[in-house]
Amino acid sequence: TPGTNAMTTTNGQMPMEHHMQIPDMPQQQQTGAVGSTPLDQQATSMISNEQQKPGTLEEQPNDESTRAQIFPLETMNNFKDNWDPWERTDVPVFFHIPKAGGSTVKDVIGTCHRFVMATEMGITDGHANETEIAIIYPGGGPEGQDRSPFVNVDTTTPNGIIRAKE
């Protein structure tokens, strides 16, 4: 009836203005409307805060000395930039990022281009116990198909890297 604090209407449903208040949460986040849930509000807040942060890519200086301060890579200072001219003494390095097509790239490099690779495949088929470092052709693949060449070291472990260096 009008003027009372009844929690239900004449049809037995709870009116919107009498929804239970959740502590520490503004009323606008409790309505259940699309885009107004606490998660939606938090995501919108994060996006707008991210857009307002200084130092986005557009605002960052583009000179090399500033980039070196932002991303210090002293341990990789012996690597060459892709845009530098190729020299006969250059050694290509491929960083395999899992689930990013790296296995396909390795297959093409070995099977199609016949480049010798140094990966964990080099110690398969018992080659881990060999004392002399050599190029090997691990098993696998269809009969009669050329197999990819590998060096018999495991570059995925510190001991394998030490062995390859020696």
N, C-alpha and C. Protein backbone atom coordinates (compact mmCIF):
# COMPACT_ATOMS: atom_id res chain seq x y z
N THR A 1 0.85 -1.19 0.00
CA THR A 1 0.00 0.00 0.00
C THR A 1 0.88 1.24 0.00
N PRO A 2 0.38 2.33 -0.58
CA PRO A 2 1.19 3.55 -0.62
C PRO A 2 1.48 4.06 0.78
N GLY A 3 2.70 4.59 0.95
CA GLY A 3 3.09 5.17 2.22
C GLY A 3 3.64 4.18 3.22
N THR A 4 3.72 2.91 2.88
CA THR A 4 4.27 1.93 3.82
C THR A 4 5.66 1.52 3.34
N ASN A 5 6.39 0.81 4.18
CA ASN A 5 7.72 0.33 3.84
C ASN A 5 7.68 -1.11 3.35
N ALA A 6 6.62 -1.50 2.72
CA ALA A 6 6.51 -2.87 2.23
C ALA A 6 7.58 -3.12 1.16
N MET A 7 8.15 -4.32 1.17
CA MET A 7 9.22 -4.65 0.24
C MET A 7 8.69 -5.23 -1.06
N THR A 8 7.41 -5.52 -1.18
CA THR A 8 6.87 -6.08 -2.41
C THR A 8 5.74 -5.20 -2.91
N THR A 9 5.49 -5.30 -4.22
CA THR A 9 4.38 -4.55 -4.82
C THR A 9 3.17 -5.44 -4.84
N THR A 10 2.10 -4.94 -5.42
CA THR A 10 0.86 -5.72 -5.47
C THR A 10 1.01 -6.98 -6.31
N ASN A 11 1.94 -6.99 -7.28
CA ASN A 11 2.13 -8.21 -8.08
C ASN A 11 3.16 -9.16 -7.46
N GLY A 12 3.64 -8.85 -6.25
CA GLY A 12 4.55 -9.73 -5.53
C GLY A 12 6.02 -9.56 -5.89
N GLN A 13 6.36 -8.61 -6.77
CA GLN A 13 7.76 -8.40 -7.15
C GLN A 13 8.35 -7.25 -6.38
N MET A 14 9.64 -7.29 -6.20
CA MET A 14 10.34 -6.25 -5.48
C MET A 14 10.51 -5.03 -6.38
N PRO A 15 10.14 -3.84 -5.95
CA PRO A 15 10.35 -2.66 -6.78
C PRO A 15 11.84 -2.32 -6.86
N MET A 16 12.26 -1.69 -7.98
CA MET A 16 13.67 -1.36 -8.20
C MET A 16 14.23 -0.48 -7.09
N GLU A 17 13.44 0.47 -6.58
CA GLU A 17 13.97 1.40 -5.58
C GLU A 17 14.21 0.75 -4.23
N HIS A 18 13.76 -0.49 -4.05
CA HIS A 18 13.94 -1.17 -2.77
C HIS A 18 14.95 -2.31 -2.84
N HIS A 19 15.80 -2.35 -3.91
CA HIS A 19 16.83 -3.40 -3.97
C HIS A 19 17.73 -3.30 -2.75
N MET A 20 18.22 -4.43 -2.31
CA MET A 20 19.09 -4.45 -1.15
C MET A 20 20.38 -3.69 -1.46
N GLN A 21 20.81 -2.87 -0.55
CA GLN A 21 22.03 -2.08 -0.70
C GLN A 21 23.24 -2.94 -0.35
N ILE A 22 24.21 -3.03 -1.25
CA ILE A 22 25.44 -3.76 -0.97
C ILE A 22 26.40 -2.78 -0.32
N PRO A 23 26.98 -3.13 0.82
CA PRO A 23 27.87 -2.20 1.53
C PRO A 23 29.05 -1.78 0.66
N ASP A 24 29.48 -0.54 0.84
CA ASP A 24 30.66 0.02 0.17
C ASP A 24 30.59 -0.01 -1.35
N MET A 25 29.38 0.01 -1.91
CA MET A 25 29.26 0.03 -3.36
C MET A 25 28.20 1.06 -3.74
N PRO A 26 28.53 2.01 -4.60
CA PRO A 26 27.55 3.01 -5.00
C PRO A 26 26.32 2.38 -5.62
N GLN A 27 25.18 3.02 -5.46
CA GLN A 27 23.91 2.50 -5.97
C GLN A 27 23.96 2.28 -7.47
N GLN A 28 24.64 3.17 -8.23
CA GLN A 28 24.65 3.04 -9.68
C GLN A 28 25.31 1.74 -10.14
N GLN A 29 26.20 1.16 -9.33
CA GLN A 29 26.86 -0.08 -9.71
C GLN A 29 26.01 -1.29 -9.36
N GLN A 30 24.92 -1.12 -8.63
CA GLN A 30 24.12 -2.24 -8.19
C GLN A 30 22.87 -2.44 -9.04
N THR A 31 22.65 -1.63 -10.04
CA THR A 31 21.41 -1.70 -10.80
C THR A 31 21.37 -2.88 -11.73
N GLY A 32 22.53 -3.39 -12.16
CA GLY A 32 22.54 -4.52 -13.07
C GLY A 32 22.43 -4.10 -14.52
N ALA A 33 22.41 -2.82 -14.80
CA ALA A 33 22.33 -2.36 -16.17
C ALA A 33 23.65 -2.65 -16.88
N VAL A 34 23.58 -2.88 -18.18
CA VAL A 34 24.78 -3.17 -18.96
C VAL A 34 25.74 -2.00 -18.86
N GLY A 35 26.99 -2.29 -18.58
CA GLY A 35 28.02 -1.26 -18.49
C GLY A 35 28.12 -0.63 -17.12
N SER A 36 27.29 -1.06 -16.18
CA SER A 36 27.35 -0.42 -14.87
C SER A 36 27.69 -1.41 -13.76
N THR A 37 28.09 -2.61 -14.10
CA THR A 37 28.48 -3.56 -13.07
C THR A 37 29.83 -3.13 -12.50
N PRO A 38 30.17 -3.57 -11.31
CA PRO A 38 31.46 -3.18 -10.73
C PRO A 38 32.63 -3.53 -11.64
N LEU A 39 32.57 -4.68 -12.30
CA LEU A 39 33.66 -5.07 -13.19
C LEU A 39 33.74 -4.13 -14.39
N ASP A 40 32.57 -3.79 -14.97
CA ASP A 40 32.57 -2.84 -16.10
C ASP A 40 33.12 -1.50 -15.67
N GLN A 41 32.71 -1.03 -14.49
CA GLN A 41 33.18 0.26 -13.99
C GLN A 41 34.70 0.23 -13.80
N GLN A 42 35.19 -0.87 -13.23
CA GLN A 42 36.63 -0.99 -12.98
C GLN A 42 37.40 -1.01 -14.30
N ALA A 43 36.91 -1.77 -15.27
CA ALA A 43 37.58 -1.84 -16.57
C ALA A 43 37.59 -0.48 -17.25
N THR A 44 36.45 0.22 -17.22
CA THR A 44 36.38 1.55 -17.82
C THR A 44 37.35 2.49 -17.13
N SER A 45 37.42 2.41 -15.81
CA SER A 45 38.33 3.26 -15.05
C SER A 45 39.77 2.96 -15.42
N MET A 46 40.11 1.67 -15.55
CA MET A 46 41.48 1.30 -15.90
C MET A 46 41.84 1.81 -17.28
N ILE A 47 40.91 1.68 -18.23
CA ILE A 47 41.18 2.14 -19.60
C ILE A 47 41.38 3.64 -19.63
N SER A 48 40.49 4.38 -18.95
CA SER A 48 40.63 5.84 -18.97
C SER A 48 41.89 6.28 -18.24
N ASN A 49 42.26 5.60 -17.15
CA ASN A 49 43.50 5.94 -16.45
C ASN A 49 44.71 5.64 -17.33
N GLU A 50 44.66 4.51 -18.06
CA GLU A 50 45.78 4.13 -18.93
C GLU A 50 45.95 5.17 -20.03
N GLN A 51 44.84 5.68 -20.56
CA GLN A 51 44.93 6.67 -21.62
C GLN A 51 45.46 8.00 -21.11
N GLN A 52 45.32 8.27 -19.82
CA GLN A 52 45.76 9.53 -19.27
C GLN A 52 47.20 9.48 -18.76
N LYS A 53 47.80 8.29 -18.67
CA LYS A 53 49.15 8.17 -18.13
C LYS A 53 50.15 8.81 -19.07
N PRO A 54 51.08 9.59 -18.53
CA PRO A 54 52.15 10.09 -19.39
C PRO A 54 53.08 8.96 -19.76
N GLY A 55 53.79 9.12 -20.85
CA GLY A 55 54.76 8.11 -21.24
C GLY A 55 54.19 7.10 -22.21
N THR A 56 53.06 7.39 -22.85
CA THR A 56 52.56 6.49 -23.86
C THR A 56 53.51 6.54 -25.05
N LEU A 57 53.35 5.62 -25.97
CA LEU A 57 54.28 5.54 -27.09
C LEU A 57 54.37 6.85 -27.86
N GLU A 58 53.24 7.55 -28.00
CA GLU A 58 53.25 8.79 -28.74
C GLU A 58 54.07 9.86 -28.04
N GLU A 59 54.14 9.80 -26.71
CA GLU A 59 54.82 10.84 -25.94
C GLU A 59 56.29 10.52 -25.69
N GLN A 60 56.71 9.27 -25.92
CA GLN A 60 58.08 8.90 -25.61
C GLN A 60 59.03 9.43 -26.67
N PRO A 61 60.16 9.96 -26.25
CA PRO A 61 61.15 10.43 -27.22
C PRO A 61 61.63 9.26 -28.07
N ASN A 62 62.03 9.56 -29.28
CA ASN A 62 62.40 8.50 -30.20
C ASN A 62 63.90 8.40 -30.42
N ASP A 63 64.71 9.13 -29.66
CA ASP A 63 66.15 9.03 -29.90
C ASP A 63 66.72 7.81 -29.17
N GLU A 64 67.82 7.31 -29.68
CA GLU A 64 68.39 6.05 -29.19
C GLU A 64 68.88 6.12 -27.75
N SER A 65 69.45 7.26 -27.33
CA SER A 65 69.96 7.36 -25.96
C SER A 65 68.82 7.29 -24.95
N THR A 66 67.69 7.88 -25.27
CA THR A 66 66.55 7.82 -24.37
C THR A 66 65.99 6.41 -24.31
N ARG A 67 65.89 5.75 -25.46
CA ARG A 67 65.40 4.36 -25.48
C ARG A 67 66.33 3.46 -24.67
N ALA A 68 67.62 3.70 -24.73
CA ALA A 68 68.58 2.88 -23.98
C ALA A 68 68.37 3.04 -22.48
N GLN A 69 67.95 4.23 -22.05
CA GLN A 69 67.68 4.44 -20.63
C GLN A 69 66.39 3.75 -20.22
N ILE A 70 65.41 3.75 -21.10
CA ILE A 70 64.12 3.13 -20.79
C ILE A 70 64.23 1.61 -20.82
N PHE A 71 64.92 1.08 -21.82
CA PHE A 71 65.06 -0.36 -22.00
C PHE A 71 66.54 -0.74 -22.00
N PRO A 72 67.18 -0.82 -20.84
CA PRO A 72 68.61 -1.13 -20.83
C PRO A 72 68.85 -2.60 -21.22
N LEU A 73 69.62 -2.81 -22.26
CA LEU A 73 69.91 -4.16 -22.72
C LEU A 73 71.42 -4.36 -22.86
N GLU A 74 72.15 -3.99 -21.82
CA GLU A 74 73.61 -4.09 -21.88
C GLU A 74 74.07 -5.50 -22.18
N THR A 75 73.33 -6.48 -21.70
CA THR A 75 73.76 -7.86 -21.91
C THR A 75 73.63 -8.29 -23.36
N MET A 76 72.94 -7.50 -24.17
CA MET A 76 72.75 -7.84 -25.58
C MET A 76 73.46 -6.85 -26.49
N ASN A 77 74.47 -6.15 -25.97
CA ASN A 77 75.12 -5.12 -26.77
C ASN A 77 75.96 -5.69 -27.91
N ASN A 78 76.15 -6.99 -27.96
CA ASN A 78 76.89 -7.58 -29.07
C ASN A 78 75.97 -7.98 -30.23
N PHE A 79 74.67 -7.72 -30.10
CA PHE A 79 73.74 -8.01 -31.17
C PHE A 79 73.69 -6.83 -32.14
N LYS A 80 73.41 -7.13 -33.37
CA LYS A 80 73.39 -6.13 -34.43
C LYS A 80 71.94 -5.78 -34.74
N ASP A 81 71.68 -4.54 -35.11
CA ASP A 81 70.33 -4.14 -35.51
C ASP A 81 70.00 -4.72 -36.88
N ASN A 82 68.73 -5.01 -37.09
CA ASN A 82 68.29 -5.59 -38.37
C ASN A 82 68.57 -4.68 -39.55
N TRP A 83 68.56 -3.39 -39.33
CA TRP A 83 68.72 -2.45 -40.44
C TRP A 83 70.19 -2.21 -40.80
N ASP A 84 71.12 -2.73 -40.00
CA ASP A 84 72.54 -2.61 -40.34
C ASP A 84 72.87 -3.57 -41.48
N PRO A 85 73.80 -3.18 -42.36
CA PRO A 85 74.14 -4.05 -43.49
C PRO A 85 74.69 -5.40 -43.03
N TRP A 86 74.38 -6.44 -43.80
CA TRP A 86 74.83 -7.79 -43.50
C TRP A 86 76.33 -7.90 -43.76
N GLU A 87 77.01 -8.61 -42.88
CA GLU A 87 78.43 -8.88 -43.05
C GLU A 87 78.64 -10.39 -42.99
N ARG A 88 79.66 -10.86 -43.63
CA ARG A 88 79.93 -12.29 -43.71
C ARG A 88 80.15 -12.93 -42.34
N THR A 89 80.58 -12.17 -41.38
CA THR A 89 80.86 -12.71 -40.04
C THR A 89 79.62 -12.73 -39.14
N ASP A 90 78.50 -12.20 -39.62
CA ASP A 90 77.27 -12.17 -38.81
C ASP A 90 76.76 -13.59 -38.55
N VAL A 91 76.28 -13.81 -37.34
CA VAL A 91 75.70 -15.10 -36.96
C VAL A 91 74.24 -14.84 -36.61
N PRO A 92 73.30 -15.44 -37.35
CA PRO A 92 71.88 -15.20 -37.04
C PRO A 92 71.48 -15.88 -35.73
N VAL A 93 70.60 -15.22 -35.00
CA VAL A 93 70.06 -15.75 -33.75
C VAL A 93 68.55 -15.68 -33.85
N PHE A 94 67.89 -16.77 -33.50
CA PHE A 94 66.43 -16.81 -33.53
C PHE A 94 65.93 -17.07 -32.11
N PHE A 95 65.17 -16.13 -31.56
CA PHE A 95 64.57 -16.32 -30.24
C PHE A 95 63.20 -16.95 -30.44
N HIS A 96 63.06 -18.18 -30.01
CA HIS A 96 61.80 -18.89 -30.17
C HIS A 96 60.83 -18.47 -29.07
N ILE A 97 59.71 -17.90 -29.48
CA ILE A 97 58.65 -17.52 -28.55
C ILE A 97 57.55 -18.57 -28.70
N PRO A 98 57.31 -19.38 -27.67
CA PRO A 98 56.30 -20.45 -27.78
C PRO A 98 54.93 -19.91 -28.17
N LYS A 99 54.23 -20.68 -28.98
CA LYS A 99 52.88 -20.38 -29.45
C LYS A 99 52.82 -19.14 -30.34
N ALA A 100 53.94 -18.79 -30.97
CA ALA A 100 53.96 -17.62 -31.86
C ALA A 100 54.46 -18.00 -33.25
N GLY A 101 54.40 -19.28 -33.59
CA GLY A 101 54.83 -19.73 -34.91
C GLY A 101 56.29 -20.10 -34.98
N GLY A 102 56.97 -20.13 -33.85
CA GLY A 102 58.40 -20.40 -33.84
C GLY A 102 58.77 -21.79 -34.33
N SER A 103 57.96 -22.79 -34.03
CA SER A 103 58.26 -24.15 -34.49
C SER A 103 58.20 -24.23 -36.01
N THR A 104 57.27 -23.54 -36.61
CA THR A 104 57.18 -23.51 -38.07
C THR A 104 58.41 -22.84 -38.66
N VAL A 105 58.83 -21.75 -38.06
CA VAL A 105 60.03 -21.06 -38.54
C VAL A 105 61.24 -21.99 -38.44
N LYS A 106 61.37 -22.71 -37.32
CA LYS A 106 62.49 -23.65 -37.17
C LYS A 106 62.43 -24.75 -38.22
N ASP A 107 61.24 -25.25 -38.53
CA ASP A 107 61.10 -26.27 -39.57
C ASP A 107 61.55 -25.74 -40.93
N VAL A 108 61.16 -24.54 -41.27
CA VAL A 108 61.54 -23.94 -42.55
C VAL A 108 63.05 -23.70 -42.59
N ILE A 109 63.59 -23.18 -41.50
CA ILE A 109 65.03 -22.90 -41.45
C ILE A 109 65.84 -24.19 -41.65
N GLY A 110 65.43 -25.27 -41.02
CA GLY A 110 66.18 -26.51 -41.11
C GLY A 110 65.88 -27.33 -42.34
N THR A 111 64.60 -27.56 -42.62
CA THR A 111 64.22 -28.44 -43.71
C THR A 111 64.37 -27.78 -45.07
N CYS A 112 63.93 -26.56 -45.20
CA CYS A 112 63.97 -25.88 -46.51
C CYS A 112 65.32 -25.23 -46.80
N HIS A 113 65.85 -24.52 -45.82
CA HIS A 113 67.09 -23.77 -46.05
C HIS A 113 68.34 -24.54 -45.62
N ARG A 114 68.14 -25.64 -44.91
CA ARG A 114 69.24 -26.51 -44.48
C ARG A 114 70.24 -25.81 -43.56
N PHE A 115 69.78 -24.80 -42.82
CA PHE A 115 70.66 -24.14 -41.85
C PHE A 115 70.88 -25.07 -40.67
N VAL A 116 72.07 -25.08 -40.15
CA VAL A 116 72.39 -25.89 -38.98
C VAL A 116 71.92 -25.12 -37.75
N MET A 117 71.16 -25.80 -36.88
CA MET A 117 70.61 -25.15 -35.70
C MET A 117 71.19 -25.75 -34.43
N ALA A 118 71.21 -24.94 -33.38
CA ALA A 118 71.63 -25.40 -32.06
C ALA A 118 70.44 -25.24 -31.13
N THR A 119 69.73 -26.34 -30.89
CA THR A 119 68.56 -26.35 -30.00
C THR A 119 68.60 -27.64 -29.18
N GLU A 120 67.55 -27.85 -28.40
CA GLU A 120 67.48 -29.08 -27.60
C GLU A 120 67.37 -30.33 -28.48
N MET A 121 67.01 -30.18 -29.76
CA MET A 121 66.93 -31.34 -30.67
C MET A 121 68.30 -31.98 -30.89
N GLY A 122 69.35 -31.21 -30.69
CA GLY A 122 70.70 -31.72 -30.92
C GLY A 122 71.12 -32.83 -29.99
N ILE A 123 70.43 -33.02 -28.88
CA ILE A 123 70.83 -34.07 -27.94
C ILE A 123 69.89 -35.27 -27.98
N THR A 124 68.95 -35.28 -28.93
CA THR A 124 68.06 -36.44 -29.03
C THR A 124 68.82 -37.62 -29.63
N ASP A 125 68.24 -38.77 -29.56
CA ASP A 125 68.82 -40.01 -30.09
C ASP A 125 70.18 -40.34 -29.47
N GLY A 126 70.39 -39.96 -28.21
CA GLY A 126 71.62 -40.32 -27.50
C GLY A 126 72.81 -39.44 -27.79
N HIS A 127 72.62 -38.34 -28.50
CA HIS A 127 73.75 -37.47 -28.85
C HIS A 127 74.24 -36.63 -27.67
N ALA A 128 73.51 -36.61 -26.57
CA ALA A 128 73.92 -35.84 -25.40
C ALA A 128 75.20 -36.40 -24.78
N ASN A 129 75.45 -37.68 -24.97
CA ASN A 129 76.61 -38.34 -24.36
C ASN A 129 77.87 -38.27 -25.21
N GLU A 130 77.78 -37.71 -26.40
CA GLU A 130 78.95 -37.64 -27.28
C GLU A 130 79.93 -36.60 -26.75
N THR A 131 81.21 -36.90 -26.86
CA THR A 131 82.23 -35.98 -26.35
C THR A 131 82.64 -34.93 -27.38
N GLU A 132 82.53 -35.26 -28.65
CA GLU A 132 82.91 -34.32 -29.71
C GLU A 132 81.67 -33.61 -30.24
N ILE A 133 81.77 -32.29 -30.39
CA ILE A 133 80.66 -31.53 -30.94
C ILE A 133 80.66 -31.69 -32.45
N ALA A 134 79.49 -32.04 -32.99
CA ALA A 134 79.39 -32.31 -34.43
C ALA A 134 77.98 -31.97 -34.91
N ILE A 135 77.82 -31.92 -36.22
CA ILE A 135 76.50 -31.74 -36.83
C ILE A 135 75.86 -33.11 -36.95
N ILE A 136 74.63 -33.22 -36.46
CA ILE A 136 73.93 -34.50 -36.48
C ILE A 136 72.57 -34.29 -37.16
N TYR A 137 71.95 -35.40 -37.52
CA TYR A 137 70.63 -35.38 -38.16
C TYR A 137 69.71 -36.28 -37.34
N PRO A 138 69.03 -35.73 -36.34
CA PRO A 138 68.18 -36.56 -35.48
C PRO A 138 67.08 -37.26 -36.29
N GLY A 139 66.66 -38.41 -35.76
CA GLY A 139 65.62 -39.19 -36.43
C GLY A 139 64.28 -38.46 -36.46
N GLY A 140 63.36 -39.08 -37.12
CA GLY A 140 62.03 -38.50 -37.25
C GLY A 140 61.77 -38.07 -38.67
N GLY A 141 60.53 -37.84 -38.97
CA GLY A 141 60.16 -37.42 -40.31
C GLY A 141 59.93 -38.61 -41.22
N PRO A 142 59.30 -38.37 -42.36
CA PRO A 142 59.01 -39.45 -43.30
C PRO A 142 60.28 -40.08 -43.89
N GLU A 143 60.17 -41.33 -44.26
CA GLU A 143 61.29 -42.07 -44.85
C GLU A 143 61.73 -41.39 -46.15
N GLY A 144 63.03 -41.20 -46.30
CA GLY A 144 63.57 -40.60 -47.51
C GLY A 144 63.61 -39.08 -47.51
N GLN A 145 63.01 -38.47 -46.53
CA GLN A 145 63.02 -37.00 -46.47
C GLN A 145 64.28 -36.53 -45.73
N ASP A 146 64.88 -35.49 -46.27
CA ASP A 146 66.05 -34.94 -45.59
C ASP A 146 65.64 -34.41 -44.23
N ARG A 147 66.49 -34.65 -43.26
CA ARG A 147 66.20 -34.18 -41.92
C ARG A 147 66.99 -32.91 -41.64
N SER A 148 66.50 -32.11 -40.73
CA SER A 148 67.15 -30.85 -40.38
C SER A 148 68.46 -31.11 -39.65
N PRO A 149 69.51 -30.35 -39.97
CA PRO A 149 70.79 -30.52 -39.28
C PRO A 149 70.83 -29.74 -37.97
N PHE A 150 71.42 -30.36 -36.95
CA PHE A 150 71.57 -29.74 -35.64
C PHE A 150 72.98 -29.97 -35.12
N VAL A 151 73.40 -29.10 -34.22
CA VAL A 151 74.65 -29.32 -33.49
C VAL A 151 74.27 -30.11 -32.25
N ASN A 152 75.08 -31.07 -31.85
CA ASN A 152 74.73 -31.95 -30.72
C ASN A 152 74.98 -31.28 -29.36
N VAL A 153 74.32 -30.16 -29.16
CA VAL A 153 74.34 -29.45 -27.87
C VAL A 153 72.91 -29.08 -27.52
N ASP A 154 72.67 -28.82 -26.26
CA ASP A 154 71.35 -28.38 -25.80
C ASP A 154 71.47 -26.94 -25.32
N THR A 155 71.04 -26.00 -26.14
CA THR A 155 71.19 -24.59 -25.78
C THR A 155 70.07 -24.09 -24.88
N THR A 156 69.22 -24.99 -24.39
CA THR A 156 68.15 -24.58 -23.48
C THR A 156 68.56 -24.72 -22.02
N THR A 157 69.77 -25.21 -21.77
CA THR A 157 70.25 -25.36 -20.39
C THR A 157 71.60 -24.65 -20.24
N PRO A 158 71.91 -24.18 -19.05
CA PRO A 158 73.22 -23.54 -18.83
C PRO A 158 74.39 -24.48 -19.16
N ASN A 159 74.29 -25.75 -18.76
CA ASN A 159 75.37 -26.71 -19.07
C ASN A 159 75.53 -26.91 -20.57
N GLY A 160 74.42 -26.93 -21.29
CA GLY A 160 74.48 -27.08 -22.74
C GLY A 160 75.13 -25.89 -23.41
N ILE A 161 74.86 -24.70 -22.90
CA ILE A 161 75.47 -23.49 -23.44
C ILE A 161 76.97 -23.49 -23.16
N ILE A 162 77.36 -23.91 -21.95
CA ILE A 162 78.78 -23.99 -21.61
C ILE A 162 79.47 -24.99 -22.53
N ARG A 163 78.82 -26.13 -22.76
CA ARG A 163 79.40 -27.15 -23.65
C ARG A 163 79.55 -26.60 -25.07
N ALA A 164 78.56 -25.87 -25.56
CA ALA A 164 78.62 -25.30 -26.90
C ALA A 164 79.73 -24.26 -27.01
N LYS A 165 79.95 -23.53 -25.94
CA LYS A 165 80.98 -22.49 -25.94
C LYS A 165 82.37 -23.10 -26.01
N GLU A 166 82.56 -24.25 -25.35
CA GLU A 166 83.87 -24.92 -25.33
C GLU A 166 84.14 -25.48 -26.68
